[in-house]
N, C-alpha and C. Protein backbone atom coordinates (compact mmCIF):
# COMPACT_ATOMS: atom_id res chain seq x y z
N UNK A 1 131.16 30.20 -12.38
CA UNK A 1 131.05 29.63 -11.19
C UNK A 1 129.58 29.85 -10.41
N UNK A 2 129.27 31.24 -10.77
CA UNK A 2 128.06 31.60 -10.20
C UNK A 2 126.82 30.60 -10.87
N UNK A 3 126.95 30.43 -12.04
CA UNK A 3 126.15 29.63 -12.85
C UNK A 3 126.10 28.16 -12.12
N UNK A 4 127.23 27.69 -11.89
CA UNK A 4 127.35 26.34 -11.36
C UNK A 4 126.82 26.23 -9.93
N UNK A 5 127.01 27.27 -9.14
CA UNK A 5 126.60 27.40 -7.74
C UNK A 5 124.95 27.52 -7.71
N UNK A 6 124.53 28.33 -8.69
CA UNK A 6 122.96 28.34 -8.84
C UNK A 6 122.41 26.93 -9.22
N UNK A 7 123.05 26.48 -10.20
CA UNK A 7 122.63 25.03 -10.45
C UNK A 7 122.64 24.01 -9.28
N UNK A 8 123.56 24.06 -8.49
CA UNK A 8 123.58 23.16 -7.36
C UNK A 8 122.70 23.51 -6.34
N UNK A 9 122.44 24.86 -6.12
CA UNK A 9 121.47 25.23 -5.14
C UNK A 9 119.98 24.88 -5.60
N UNK A 10 119.75 25.11 -6.85
CA UNK A 10 118.53 24.64 -7.58
C UNK A 10 118.14 23.13 -7.33
N UNK A 11 119.27 22.23 -7.68
CA UNK A 11 119.12 20.94 -7.40
C UNK A 11 118.84 20.57 -5.88
N UNK A 12 119.51 21.21 -5.01
CA UNK A 12 119.27 20.92 -3.69
C UNK A 12 117.78 21.33 -2.97
N UNK A 13 117.40 22.46 -3.46
CA UNK A 13 115.99 22.87 -3.14
C UNK A 13 115.05 22.00 -3.74
N UNK A 14 115.09 21.56 -4.90
CA UNK A 14 114.27 20.68 -5.60
C UNK A 14 114.14 19.41 -4.81
N UNK A 15 115.42 18.88 -4.52
CA UNK A 15 115.58 17.69 -3.79
C UNK A 15 114.76 17.82 -2.38
N UNK A 16 115.00 18.90 -1.61
CA UNK A 16 114.41 19.09 -0.30
C UNK A 16 112.84 19.32 -0.46
N UNK A 17 112.41 19.89 -1.66
CA UNK A 17 110.98 20.07 -1.80
C UNK A 17 110.24 18.72 -1.96
N UNK A 18 110.93 17.87 -2.80
CA UNK A 18 110.16 16.52 -3.18
C UNK A 18 110.39 15.62 -1.89
N UNK A 19 111.49 15.88 -1.10
CA UNK A 19 111.52 14.90 0.23
C UNK A 19 110.52 15.37 1.27
N UNK A 20 110.27 16.62 1.40
CA UNK A 20 109.25 17.21 2.43
C UNK A 20 107.88 16.77 1.81
N UNK A 21 107.60 16.89 0.48
CA UNK A 21 106.34 16.47 -0.08
C UNK A 21 106.02 14.95 0.23
N UNK A 22 107.05 14.20 -0.06
CA UNK A 22 106.80 12.65 0.30
C UNK A 22 106.49 12.57 1.72
N UNK A 23 107.21 13.11 2.76
CA UNK A 23 106.94 12.96 4.02
C UNK A 23 105.28 13.42 4.42
N UNK A 24 104.99 14.35 3.92
CA UNK A 24 103.44 14.79 4.20
C UNK A 24 102.55 13.78 3.51
N UNK A 25 102.86 13.26 2.50
CA UNK A 25 101.92 12.19 1.86
C UNK A 25 101.96 10.95 2.65
N UNK A 26 103.11 10.60 3.02
CA UNK A 26 103.37 9.33 3.98
C UNK A 26 102.73 9.49 5.22
N UNK A 27 102.72 10.67 5.82
CA UNK A 27 101.88 10.93 7.05
C UNK A 27 100.45 10.74 6.90
N UNK A 28 99.83 11.10 5.82
CA UNK A 28 98.51 10.90 5.63
C UNK A 28 98.14 9.39 5.48
N UNK A 29 98.95 8.71 4.78
CA UNK A 29 98.62 7.39 4.48
C UNK A 29 98.76 6.62 5.74
N UNK A 30 99.68 6.97 6.61
CA UNK A 30 99.88 5.99 7.78
C UNK A 30 98.86 6.30 8.95
N UNK A 31 98.26 7.11 8.85
CA UNK A 31 97.11 7.65 9.84
C UNK A 31 96.11 6.60 10.07
N UNK A 32 95.93 5.89 11.27
CA UNK A 32 94.91 4.78 11.26
C UNK A 32 93.45 5.40 11.30
N UNK A 33 92.62 4.81 10.55
CA UNK A 33 91.19 5.18 10.33
C UNK A 33 90.39 4.30 11.45
N UNK A 34 89.67 4.91 12.27
CA UNK A 34 88.95 4.32 13.27
C UNK A 34 87.65 3.65 12.53
N UNK A 35 87.58 2.36 12.72
CA UNK A 35 86.52 1.70 12.20
C UNK A 35 85.20 1.79 13.24
N UNK A 36 84.13 1.95 12.67
CA UNK A 36 82.69 2.02 13.67
C UNK A 36 82.49 0.60 14.24
N UNK A 37 82.06 0.53 15.37
CA UNK A 37 81.83 -0.78 15.80
C UNK A 37 80.42 -1.44 15.42
N UNK A 38 80.47 -2.67 15.03
CA UNK A 38 79.23 -3.28 14.43
C UNK A 38 78.38 -4.03 15.45
N UNK A 39 78.91 -3.88 16.70
CA UNK A 39 78.27 -4.48 18.04
C UNK A 39 76.74 -4.28 17.94
N UNK A 40 76.29 -3.14 17.88
CA UNK A 40 74.76 -2.81 18.14
C UNK A 40 74.12 -3.36 16.78
N UNK A 41 74.73 -3.30 15.69
CA UNK A 41 74.03 -3.97 14.59
C UNK A 41 73.76 -5.48 14.77
N UNK A 42 74.56 -6.08 15.58
CA UNK A 42 74.41 -7.50 15.77
C UNK A 42 73.38 -7.99 16.94
N UNK A 43 72.83 -6.88 17.61
CA UNK A 43 71.99 -7.16 18.76
C UNK A 43 70.63 -6.99 18.38
N UNK A 44 69.81 -8.14 18.92
CA UNK A 44 68.34 -8.00 18.73
C UNK A 44 67.72 -8.26 20.17
N UNK A 45 66.49 -7.55 20.13
CA UNK A 45 65.60 -7.40 21.35
C UNK A 45 64.54 -8.30 21.16
N UNK A 46 63.91 -8.71 22.36
CA UNK A 46 62.66 -9.41 22.14
C UNK A 46 62.09 -9.68 23.61
N UNK A 47 61.30 -10.76 23.87
CA UNK A 47 60.76 -11.06 25.09
C UNK A 47 59.36 -11.47 25.13
N UNK A 48 58.76 -11.41 26.19
CA UNK A 48 57.41 -11.81 26.26
C UNK A 48 56.56 -10.96 27.28
N UNK A 49 55.36 -10.94 27.24
CA UNK A 49 54.50 -10.18 27.95
C UNK A 49 53.19 -10.89 28.09
N UNK A 50 52.67 -10.97 29.21
CA UNK A 50 51.36 -11.81 29.43
C UNK A 50 50.46 -11.28 30.42
N UNK A 51 49.19 -11.39 30.11
CA UNK A 51 48.07 -10.91 31.12
C UNK A 51 47.03 -11.84 31.02
N UNK A 52 46.55 -12.39 32.21
CA UNK A 52 45.43 -13.41 32.29
C UNK A 52 44.56 -12.81 33.51
N UNK A 53 43.33 -12.69 33.35
CA UNK A 53 42.32 -12.45 34.30
C UNK A 53 41.14 -13.24 34.11
N UNK A 54 40.64 -13.63 35.27
CA UNK A 54 39.47 -14.47 35.34
C UNK A 54 38.61 -14.22 36.60
N UNK A 55 37.73 -14.98 36.89
CA UNK A 55 37.00 -15.13 38.23
C UNK A 55 37.93 -15.30 39.31
N UNK A 56 38.55 -14.24 39.94
CA UNK A 56 39.36 -14.32 41.11
C UNK A 56 40.62 -14.79 40.93
N UNK A 57 41.05 -14.67 39.46
CA UNK A 57 42.42 -15.27 39.12
C UNK A 57 43.06 -13.98 38.38
N UNK A 58 44.42 -13.80 38.56
CA UNK A 58 45.10 -12.75 38.08
C UNK A 58 46.43 -13.31 37.65
N UNK A 59 47.10 -13.03 36.47
CA UNK A 59 48.27 -13.45 36.07
C UNK A 59 49.00 -12.28 35.23
N UNK A 60 50.16 -11.85 35.61
CA UNK A 60 50.92 -10.89 34.93
C UNK A 60 52.34 -11.35 34.78
N UNK A 61 52.90 -11.28 33.50
CA UNK A 61 54.31 -11.49 33.43
C UNK A 61 55.01 -10.74 32.38
N UNK A 62 56.17 -10.41 32.77
CA UNK A 62 57.09 -9.38 31.77
C UNK A 62 58.36 -10.19 31.58
N UNK A 63 58.94 -10.37 30.37
CA UNK A 63 60.19 -11.02 30.20
C UNK A 63 60.99 -10.55 29.09
N UNK A 64 61.68 -9.33 29.33
CA UNK A 64 62.47 -8.77 28.20
C UNK A 64 63.74 -9.49 27.99
N UNK A 65 64.24 -9.68 26.78
CA UNK A 65 65.56 -10.41 26.53
C UNK A 65 66.25 -9.70 25.38
N UNK A 66 67.49 -10.03 25.33
CA UNK A 66 68.28 -9.48 24.19
C UNK A 66 69.33 -10.57 23.80
N UNK A 67 69.85 -10.79 22.54
CA UNK A 67 70.77 -11.59 22.05
C UNK A 67 71.82 -10.86 21.14
N UNK A 68 73.00 -11.45 21.19
CA UNK A 68 73.95 -10.86 20.35
C UNK A 68 74.46 -12.03 19.28
N UNK A 69 74.21 -11.70 18.02
CA UNK A 69 74.43 -12.60 16.97
C UNK A 69 75.86 -12.80 16.62
N UNK A 70 76.63 -13.71 17.18
CA UNK A 70 78.04 -13.85 17.02
C UNK A 70 78.33 -13.99 15.40
N UNK A 71 77.53 -14.85 14.76
CA UNK A 71 77.64 -15.11 13.36
C UNK A 71 76.26 -15.62 12.93
N UNK A 72 76.17 -16.23 11.56
CA UNK A 72 74.82 -16.69 11.24
C UNK A 72 74.40 -17.90 11.92
N UNK A 73 75.22 -18.43 12.70
CA UNK A 73 74.81 -19.84 13.24
C UNK A 73 74.75 -19.82 14.72
N UNK A 74 75.51 -18.97 15.45
CA UNK A 74 75.34 -18.83 16.87
C UNK A 74 75.08 -17.46 17.50
N UNK A 75 74.31 -17.47 18.54
CA UNK A 75 73.91 -16.30 19.21
C UNK A 75 73.89 -16.50 20.61
N UNK A 76 74.29 -15.50 21.51
CA UNK A 76 74.19 -15.46 22.97
C UNK A 76 73.47 -14.44 23.40
N UNK A 77 72.79 -14.61 24.70
CA UNK A 77 72.02 -13.46 25.30
C UNK A 77 71.67 -13.66 26.66
N UNK A 78 70.77 -12.85 27.13
CA UNK A 78 70.36 -12.84 28.56
C UNK A 78 68.79 -12.34 28.46
N UNK A 79 68.15 -12.70 29.62
CA UNK A 79 66.85 -12.24 29.77
C UNK A 79 66.62 -11.87 31.15
N UNK A 80 65.50 -11.14 31.51
CA UNK A 80 65.00 -10.86 32.69
C UNK A 80 63.46 -11.37 32.82
N UNK A 81 62.99 -11.70 34.09
CA UNK A 81 61.74 -12.23 34.06
C UNK A 81 61.01 -11.71 35.38
N UNK A 82 59.76 -11.51 35.25
CA UNK A 82 58.89 -11.22 36.49
C UNK A 82 57.53 -11.67 36.29
N UNK A 83 56.98 -12.31 37.20
CA UNK A 83 55.63 -12.97 37.25
C UNK A 83 54.96 -12.76 38.41
N UNK A 84 53.59 -12.51 38.42
CA UNK A 84 52.83 -12.28 39.51
C UNK A 84 51.59 -13.14 39.18
N UNK A 85 51.19 -14.12 40.08
CA UNK A 85 50.04 -14.93 39.94
C UNK A 85 49.21 -14.95 41.22
N UNK A 86 48.05 -14.71 41.10
CA UNK A 86 46.93 -14.71 42.38
C UNK A 86 45.87 -15.29 42.03
N UNK A 87 45.35 -16.26 42.96
CA UNK A 87 44.12 -16.77 42.91
C UNK A 87 43.34 -16.36 44.25
N UNK A 88 42.21 -15.61 44.21
CA UNK A 88 41.61 -14.85 45.30
C UNK A 88 41.32 -15.88 46.41
N UNK A 89 41.66 -15.45 47.75
CA UNK A 89 41.53 -16.13 48.86
C UNK A 89 42.25 -17.44 48.96
N UNK A 90 43.26 -17.75 48.16
CA UNK A 90 43.84 -19.01 48.19
C UNK A 90 45.41 -18.98 47.99
N UNK A 91 45.85 -18.25 46.92
CA UNK A 91 47.18 -18.41 46.67
C UNK A 91 47.66 -17.17 45.88
N UNK A 92 49.02 -16.75 46.37
CA UNK A 92 49.76 -15.57 45.69
C UNK A 92 51.07 -15.89 45.50
N UNK A 93 51.67 -15.62 44.32
CA UNK A 93 53.04 -15.80 43.92
C UNK A 93 53.71 -14.70 43.25
N UNK A 94 54.99 -14.52 43.50
CA UNK A 94 55.59 -13.67 42.72
C UNK A 94 57.03 -14.22 42.30
N UNK A 95 57.51 -14.12 41.21
CA UNK A 95 58.83 -14.71 40.77
C UNK A 95 59.57 -13.76 39.86
N UNK A 96 60.91 -13.67 40.25
CA UNK A 96 61.66 -12.65 39.39
C UNK A 96 63.18 -13.34 39.24
N UNK A 97 63.77 -13.01 38.17
CA UNK A 97 65.10 -13.69 37.92
C UNK A 97 65.63 -13.20 36.79
N UNK A 98 66.72 -14.10 36.23
CA UNK A 98 67.33 -13.98 34.96
C UNK A 98 67.67 -15.18 34.41
N UNK A 99 68.15 -15.10 33.15
CA UNK A 99 68.51 -16.28 32.33
C UNK A 99 69.61 -15.89 31.37
N UNK A 100 70.43 -16.97 30.98
CA UNK A 100 71.38 -16.95 29.99
C UNK A 100 70.99 -17.95 28.95
N UNK A 101 71.17 -17.51 27.63
CA UNK A 101 70.61 -18.32 26.60
C UNK A 101 71.77 -18.42 25.51
N UNK A 102 71.75 -19.64 24.89
CA UNK A 102 72.64 -19.78 23.76
C UNK A 102 71.79 -20.46 22.65
N UNK A 103 71.91 -19.87 21.38
CA UNK A 103 71.05 -20.26 20.26
C UNK A 103 72.02 -20.68 19.29
N UNK A 104 71.81 -22.03 18.59
CA UNK A 104 72.58 -22.59 17.56
C UNK A 104 71.52 -22.77 16.31
N UNK A 105 71.97 -22.25 15.23
CA UNK A 105 71.08 -22.51 13.97
C UNK A 105 71.91 -23.31 12.93
N UNK A 106 71.77 -24.61 13.13
CA UNK A 106 72.64 -25.43 12.09
C UNK A 106 72.21 -25.11 10.68
N UNK A 107 70.94 -24.87 10.43
CA UNK A 107 70.44 -24.41 9.07
C UNK A 107 69.46 -23.33 9.50
N UNK A 108 69.24 -22.58 8.56
CA UNK A 108 68.33 -21.37 8.64
C UNK A 108 67.00 -21.66 9.47
N UNK A 109 66.27 -22.73 9.04
CA UNK A 109 65.12 -23.11 9.50
C UNK A 109 65.04 -23.69 10.83
N UNK A 110 66.04 -24.27 11.31
CA UNK A 110 66.18 -25.00 12.68
C UNK A 110 66.92 -24.05 13.69
N UNK A 111 66.27 -24.01 15.00
CA UNK A 111 67.12 -23.38 15.96
C UNK A 111 67.22 -24.16 17.21
N UNK A 112 68.40 -24.58 17.72
CA UNK A 112 68.52 -25.39 18.97
C UNK A 112 68.81 -24.29 20.06
N UNK A 113 68.44 -24.56 21.34
CA UNK A 113 68.84 -23.76 22.29
C UNK A 113 69.24 -24.42 23.68
N UNK A 114 69.92 -23.58 24.41
CA UNK A 114 70.38 -24.12 25.71
C UNK A 114 70.08 -22.76 26.51
N UNK A 115 69.23 -22.78 27.70
CA UNK A 115 68.99 -21.78 28.58
C UNK A 115 69.20 -22.14 30.12
N UNK A 116 69.81 -21.24 30.93
CA UNK A 116 70.04 -21.54 32.33
C UNK A 116 69.18 -20.45 33.01
N UNK A 117 68.23 -20.74 33.80
CA UNK A 117 67.36 -19.73 34.41
C UNK A 117 67.43 -19.91 35.84
N UNK A 118 67.41 -18.76 36.51
CA UNK A 118 67.53 -18.73 38.04
C UNK A 118 66.44 -17.73 38.37
N UNK A 119 65.50 -18.26 39.13
CA UNK A 119 64.24 -17.68 39.59
C UNK A 119 64.28 -17.56 41.18
N UNK A 120 63.87 -16.44 41.68
CA UNK A 120 63.61 -16.26 43.11
C UNK A 120 62.01 -16.46 43.19
N UNK A 121 61.63 -17.43 44.05
CA UNK A 121 60.15 -17.53 44.06
C UNK A 121 59.61 -17.11 45.38
N UNK A 122 58.44 -16.59 45.59
CA UNK A 122 57.75 -16.10 46.80
C UNK A 122 56.47 -16.52 46.72
N UNK A 123 55.95 -17.44 47.65
CA UNK A 123 54.52 -17.97 47.60
C UNK A 123 53.95 -17.71 48.96
N UNK A 124 52.62 -17.49 48.85
CA UNK A 124 51.85 -17.16 50.10
C UNK A 124 50.48 -18.06 49.95
N UNK A 125 50.26 -18.99 50.73
CA UNK A 125 48.95 -19.55 50.75
C UNK A 125 48.09 -18.92 51.85
N UNK A 126 47.19 -18.14 51.32
CA UNK A 126 46.38 -17.19 52.26
C UNK A 126 45.50 -17.99 53.07
N UNK A 127 44.90 -19.15 52.81
CA UNK A 127 44.04 -19.78 53.70
C UNK A 127 44.71 -20.49 54.92
N UNK A 128 46.04 -20.67 54.84
CA UNK A 128 46.78 -21.36 55.84
C UNK A 128 47.87 -20.38 56.55
N UNK A 129 48.13 -19.21 55.87
CA UNK A 129 49.09 -18.36 56.41
C UNK A 129 50.53 -19.13 56.17
N UNK A 130 50.58 -19.99 55.23
CA UNK A 130 51.96 -20.54 54.89
C UNK A 130 52.79 -19.86 53.89
N UNK A 131 53.87 -19.53 54.08
CA UNK A 131 54.77 -18.87 53.07
C UNK A 131 56.00 -19.77 52.78
N UNK A 132 56.37 -19.75 51.38
CA UNK A 132 57.68 -20.32 51.05
C UNK A 132 58.40 -19.37 50.09
N UNK A 133 59.70 -19.17 50.34
CA UNK A 133 60.55 -18.41 49.56
C UNK A 133 61.71 -19.37 49.26
N UNK A 134 61.84 -19.52 47.81
CA UNK A 134 63.09 -20.30 47.38
C UNK A 134 63.59 -19.95 46.11
N UNK A 135 64.71 -20.63 45.78
CA UNK A 135 65.32 -20.32 44.43
C UNK A 135 65.04 -21.55 43.66
N UNK A 136 64.82 -21.30 42.25
CA UNK A 136 64.31 -22.27 41.37
C UNK A 136 65.29 -22.19 40.11
N UNK A 137 66.02 -23.24 39.82
CA UNK A 137 67.02 -23.16 38.69
C UNK A 137 66.46 -24.19 37.71
N UNK A 138 66.50 -23.70 36.39
CA UNK A 138 66.00 -24.48 35.33
C UNK A 138 67.23 -24.56 34.31
N UNK A 139 67.47 -25.79 33.78
CA UNK A 139 68.28 -25.80 32.62
C UNK A 139 67.49 -26.40 31.43
N UNK A 140 67.12 -25.56 30.53
CA UNK A 140 66.29 -26.01 29.38
C UNK A 140 67.15 -26.27 28.11
N UNK A 141 66.85 -27.36 27.40
CA UNK A 141 67.29 -27.70 26.09
C UNK A 141 66.20 -27.56 25.18
N UNK A 142 66.16 -27.09 24.04
CA UNK A 142 65.19 -26.90 23.16
C UNK A 142 65.30 -26.89 21.78
N UNK A 143 64.38 -26.95 20.92
CA UNK A 143 64.46 -26.95 19.42
C UNK A 143 63.21 -26.35 18.77
N UNK A 144 63.43 -25.74 17.66
CA UNK A 144 62.22 -24.99 17.30
C UNK A 144 62.22 -24.81 15.63
N UNK A 145 61.27 -24.53 15.08
CA UNK A 145 61.29 -24.12 13.62
C UNK A 145 61.40 -22.57 13.68
N UNK A 146 62.14 -22.04 12.90
CA UNK A 146 62.63 -20.72 12.79
C UNK A 146 62.15 -20.13 11.32
N UNK A 147 61.42 -19.10 11.08
CA UNK A 147 61.25 -18.29 10.17
C UNK A 147 61.36 -16.90 10.46
N UNK A 148 62.22 -16.18 9.63
CA UNK A 148 62.57 -14.84 9.93
C UNK A 148 63.02 -14.60 11.28
N UNK A 149 62.27 -13.71 12.04
CA UNK A 149 62.71 -13.50 13.48
C UNK A 149 61.77 -14.11 14.50
N UNK A 150 60.99 -15.17 14.19
CA UNK A 150 60.08 -15.87 14.97
C UNK A 150 60.49 -17.41 15.02
N UNK A 151 60.56 -17.93 16.26
CA UNK A 151 60.96 -19.41 16.39
C UNK A 151 59.80 -20.07 17.11
N UNK A 152 59.17 -21.18 16.86
CA UNK A 152 58.12 -21.91 17.47
C UNK A 152 58.72 -23.20 17.75
N UNK A 153 58.77 -23.67 18.98
CA UNK A 153 59.18 -24.90 19.44
C UNK A 153 58.84 -25.33 20.82
N UNK A 154 59.67 -26.33 21.34
CA UNK A 154 59.55 -26.83 22.73
C UNK A 154 60.88 -26.87 23.33
N UNK A 155 60.90 -26.79 24.71
CA UNK A 155 61.99 -26.88 25.51
C UNK A 155 61.80 -27.91 26.67
N UNK A 156 62.92 -28.40 26.99
CA UNK A 156 62.78 -29.50 28.28
C UNK A 156 63.63 -29.18 29.29
N UNK A 157 63.01 -29.09 30.45
CA UNK A 157 63.87 -28.55 31.73
C UNK A 157 64.57 -29.79 32.14
N UNK A 158 65.85 -29.95 32.04
CA UNK A 158 66.57 -31.03 32.45
C UNK A 158 66.70 -31.13 33.86
N UNK A 159 66.40 -30.01 34.80
CA UNK A 159 66.55 -30.08 36.36
C UNK A 159 65.07 -30.20 36.83
N UNK A 160 64.10 -30.66 36.09
CA UNK A 160 62.79 -30.57 36.54
C UNK A 160 62.58 -31.59 37.62
N UNK A 161 61.87 -31.21 38.68
CA UNK A 161 61.44 -32.02 39.87
C UNK A 161 60.10 -31.57 40.34
N UNK A 162 59.15 -32.59 40.00
CA UNK A 162 57.68 -32.20 40.32
C UNK A 162 57.30 -31.91 41.62
N UNK A 163 58.16 -32.27 42.66
CA UNK A 163 57.80 -31.72 43.96
C UNK A 163 58.39 -30.55 44.37
N UNK A 164 59.40 -30.13 43.45
CA UNK A 164 60.10 -28.78 43.88
C UNK A 164 60.23 -27.91 42.62
N UNK A 165 59.84 -26.74 42.70
CA UNK A 165 59.93 -25.96 41.56
C UNK A 165 58.64 -25.26 41.17
N UNK A 166 58.67 -24.49 40.11
CA UNK A 166 57.58 -23.58 39.69
C UNK A 166 56.67 -24.07 38.46
N UNK A 167 57.32 -25.05 37.74
CA UNK A 167 56.71 -25.49 36.62
C UNK A 167 56.11 -26.96 36.75
N UNK A 168 54.86 -26.90 36.19
CA UNK A 168 54.03 -28.10 36.21
C UNK A 168 54.46 -29.39 35.38
N UNK A 169 55.30 -29.03 34.47
CA UNK A 169 55.65 -30.13 33.60
C UNK A 169 57.17 -29.64 33.07
N UNK A 170 58.07 -30.72 32.80
CA UNK A 170 59.25 -30.43 32.29
C UNK A 170 59.32 -30.10 30.69
N UNK A 171 58.41 -30.46 29.94
CA UNK A 171 58.39 -30.05 28.55
C UNK A 171 57.39 -28.93 28.50
N UNK A 172 57.82 -27.83 27.84
CA UNK A 172 57.08 -26.52 27.52
C UNK A 172 57.26 -26.07 26.23
N UNK A 173 56.20 -25.69 25.51
CA UNK A 173 56.17 -25.05 24.32
C UNK A 173 56.70 -23.65 24.40
N UNK A 174 57.19 -22.99 23.30
CA UNK A 174 57.69 -21.65 23.40
C UNK A 174 57.33 -20.94 22.00
N UNK A 175 57.37 -19.81 22.04
CA UNK A 175 57.35 -18.78 20.89
C UNK A 175 58.40 -17.71 21.26
N UNK A 176 59.41 -17.67 20.35
CA UNK A 176 60.51 -16.73 20.62
C UNK A 176 60.59 -15.71 19.38
N UNK A 177 60.50 -14.53 19.83
CA UNK A 177 60.59 -13.43 18.85
C UNK A 177 61.56 -12.41 19.05
N UNK A 178 62.51 -12.03 17.96
CA UNK A 178 63.55 -11.03 18.33
C UNK A 178 63.50 -10.07 17.08
N UNK A 179 63.61 -8.92 17.39
CA UNK A 179 63.77 -7.80 16.39
C UNK A 179 64.92 -7.30 16.19
């Protein structure tokens, strides 16, 4: 009888040992593993910077931008812009604002774009003491040739009005670079 009781006790302890071992293994398998975000790997930065100086003429512009590559075909982003333009004893202007941009690459070498730009414009005509402050909205559609991270093309301002606004023409060339 002692032998039978010892045999039953051994079976029960062995059974409990394997049950407890399987629970600890199961707990390790079901623990969720936190995946690192790929968000910042899909973000690219770029923009523009310009300086122009001449006889009584100054032009300074800064335009940083960033895009998020949703996939190989579509990107969305935003940009900021500041420009200062002065012609001595005649004209002084500053412009600042932001833009939203959408880029579509139907094939690797072609990039189509849509950009909504909102600028605040401050203009002073120094010889007449006339000042104008206004908002300028631009809706640009564009197309360009893309190689690596550089796109060269043209964009057209769908809201262009030659009597109102800051641009001299609706059609403008561009060079877009993102790193």
